[in-house]
Protein backbone atom coordinates (compact mmCIF):
# COMPACT_ATOMS: atom_id res chain seq x y z
CA MET A 1 0.00 0.00 0.00
CA ILE A 2 1.10 3.57 -0.71
CA HIS A 3 -0.47 6.97 -0.04
CA LEU A 4 -0.56 10.25 -1.94
CA ILE A 5 0.17 13.70 -0.53
CA LYS A 6 -1.09 16.98 -2.01
CA LEU A 7 -1.22 20.66 -1.11
CA CYS A 8 -4.74 21.81 -0.24
CA VAL A 9 -4.55 25.04 -2.22
CA GLY A 10 -6.98 27.76 -1.18
CA ALA A 11 -7.75 26.21 2.20
CA GLU A 12 -6.32 27.48 5.46
CA LYS A 13 -7.76 24.78 7.70
CA VAL A 14 -9.43 21.38 7.52
CA GLU A 15 -12.91 22.90 7.86
CA ASP A 16 -12.35 24.84 4.62
CA LEU A 17 -11.79 21.55 2.75
CA ILE A 18 -14.84 19.92 4.37
CA ASP A 19 -17.08 22.90 3.55
CA TRP A 20 -15.82 23.14 -0.06
CA GLN A 21 -16.36 19.43 -0.70
CA ALA A 22 -19.85 19.53 0.84
CA ALA A 23 -20.83 22.46 -1.38
CA ARG A 24 -19.32 20.90 -4.50
CA TYR A 25 -20.19 17.21 -4.14
CA GLY A 26 -23.18 17.06 -1.79
CA THR A 27 -23.33 13.58 -0.30
CA GLY A 28 -21.43 11.81 -3.12
CA PRO A 29 -17.75 10.96 -3.11
CA ALA A 30 -15.31 13.85 -3.24
CA CYS A 31 -12.93 14.05 -6.16
CA HIS A 32 -9.59 15.59 -7.01
CA VAL A 33 -8.71 15.77 -10.70
CA THR A 34 -5.05 15.71 -11.62
CA ARG A 35 -3.15 15.65 -14.89
CA MET A 36 -1.05 12.57 -14.19
CA TRP A 37 -2.27 9.02 -13.59
CA PRO A 38 -0.41 7.38 -10.67
CA LYS A 39 1.82 4.55 -11.90
CA ARG A 40 1.34 2.84 -8.53
CA SER A 41 -2.46 2.89 -8.75
CA ASP A 42 -2.88 -0.71 -7.52
CA GLU A 43 -0.96 0.13 -4.35
CA ILE A 44 -3.01 3.29 -3.79
CA LEU A 45 -6.27 1.38 -4.20
CA ASP A 46 -5.03 -1.20 -1.67
CA GLY A 47 -5.99 1.03 1.29
CA GLY A 48 -4.14 4.26 0.46
CA SER A 49 -5.22 7.76 1.42
CA LEU A 50 -4.69 11.25 0.08
CA TYR A 51 -2.95 13.33 2.76
CA TRP A 52 -3.72 17.05 2.64
CA VAL A 53 -1.13 19.77 3.37
CA PHE A 54 -2.59 23.04 4.74
CA LYS A 55 -0.25 26.05 4.85
CA GLY A 56 2.86 23.82 5.05
CA VAL A 57 1.45 21.27 7.52
CA VAL A 58 -0.21 17.89 6.92
CA LEU A 59 -3.43 17.96 8.98
CA ALA A 60 -5.86 15.51 7.36
CA ARG A 61 -6.37 12.58 5.04
CA GLN A 62 -9.11 11.00 2.99
CA LYS A 63 -9.22 7.36 1.90
CA VAL A 64 -8.85 6.87 -1.85
CA ILE A 65 -11.83 4.84 -3.06
CA GLY A 66 -11.19 4.88 -6.79
CA LEU A 67 -9.43 6.32 -9.82
CA GLU A 68 -11.29 7.27 -13.00
CA GLU A 69 -10.44 8.75 -16.34
CA ARG A 70 -11.92 12.24 -16.84
CA PRO A 71 -11.79 13.87 -20.26
CA GLY A 72 -11.21 17.61 -20.10
CA GLU A 73 -12.77 20.23 -22.33
CA ASP A 74 -9.35 20.52 -23.97
CA GLY A 75 -9.50 16.84 -25.03
CA ILE A 76 -6.84 15.73 -22.53
CA THR A 77 -7.76 12.78 -20.34
CA ARG A 78 -6.99 13.31 -16.66
CA CYS A 79 -7.12 11.19 -13.51
CA ALA A 80 -9.96 11.73 -11.04
CA ILE A 81 -8.98 10.57 -7.57
CA LEU A 82 -12.22 9.59 -5.83
CA LEU A 83 -12.17 10.18 -2.09
CA ASP A 84 -14.22 8.97 0.85
CA ARG A 85 -16.13 11.93 2.29
CA ASP A 86 -14.85 11.17 5.80
CA VAL A 87 -11.98 13.60 6.44
CA VAL A 88 -9.69 12.07 9.08
CA ARG A 89 -7.56 14.54 11.03
CA THR A 90 -3.93 13.58 11.52
CA GLU A 91 -1.07 14.60 13.72
CA ALA A 92 0.50 17.76 12.35
CA LEU A 93 3.53 17.13 10.14
CA PRO A 94 5.46 19.99 8.51
CA ARG A 95 5.90 19.68 4.76
CA ARG A 96 7.71 21.97 2.33
CA PRO A 97 5.80 23.22 -0.73
CA PHE A 98 5.80 21.07 -3.87
CA GLN A 99 3.82 20.88 -7.10
CA GLY A 100 1.28 18.22 -7.94
CA TRP A 101 1.04 15.15 -5.75
CA ARG A 102 3.72 12.84 -4.38
CA TYR A 103 3.77 9.30 -3.07
CA LEU A 104 3.91 8.92 0.72
CA THR A 105 4.95 5.67 2.38
CA PRO A 106 2.93 4.43 5.35
CA ALA A 107 6.08 4.75 7.49
CA ASP A 108 6.33 8.47 6.66
CA ALA A 109 2.62 9.25 7.02
CA PRO A 110 1.43 11.03 10.16
CA LYS A 111 -0.79 9.08 12.53
CA ASP A 112 -4.51 9.75 12.84
CA LEU A 113 -5.45 11.96 15.78
CA ALA A 114 -6.88 10.14 18.76
CA PRO A 115 -10.63 10.61 19.32
CA GLY A 116 -11.34 13.89 21.10
CA ARG A 117 -8.27 15.67 19.68
CA GLU A 118 -9.85 16.64 16.34
CA ARG A 119 -10.31 20.32 17.22
CA GLU A 120 -6.80 20.95 18.58
CA GLU A 121 -4.82 23.64 16.82
CA PRO A 122 -1.45 22.50 15.43
CA LEU A 123 1.78 23.73 17.00
CA PRO A 124 3.50 26.69 15.32
CA ARG A 125 5.34 25.63 12.13
CA ASP A 126 8.80 26.57 13.48
CA LEU A 127 8.28 24.45 16.58
CA MET A 128 7.01 21.50 14.52
CA ALA A 129 10.04 21.76 12.24
CA ALA A 130 12.41 21.82 15.22
CA LEU A 131 10.71 18.78 16.77
CA ALA A 132 10.80 16.89 13.46
CA GLU A 133 14.49 17.71 13.06
CA ILE A 134 15.33 15.97 16.35
CA GLY A 135 13.07 13.02 15.56
CA LEU A 136 9.99 14.06 17.56
CA ARG A 137 6.85 14.85 15.67
């Protein structure tokens, strides 16, 4: 199994993503359309999630439930990553900016937050980076 990681552009916090997906997709599965089809699609579909980076910090994930071809108006076929609507909050993990999506191994993925901790604010980015640097995250 392998995960994907992606910047959540335009969202400052997890609630922004949840609200946007609710307005856009109603009760159906959420979707993120990307230009490239993952070469490791079988591994992603074997229990992988899409981890979301908000303002330089991973804070949430959504289980990937499918991949579909989506033709664009420009005639180019893209990959639609279908996502479970349940947004799972994770421990905060600093992440530098990058373009597109990347693979994320289960060993490098942040853990899910324990029940009752979903509304905690993440630590300041500098402090998280310092903790990660010494092996504490």
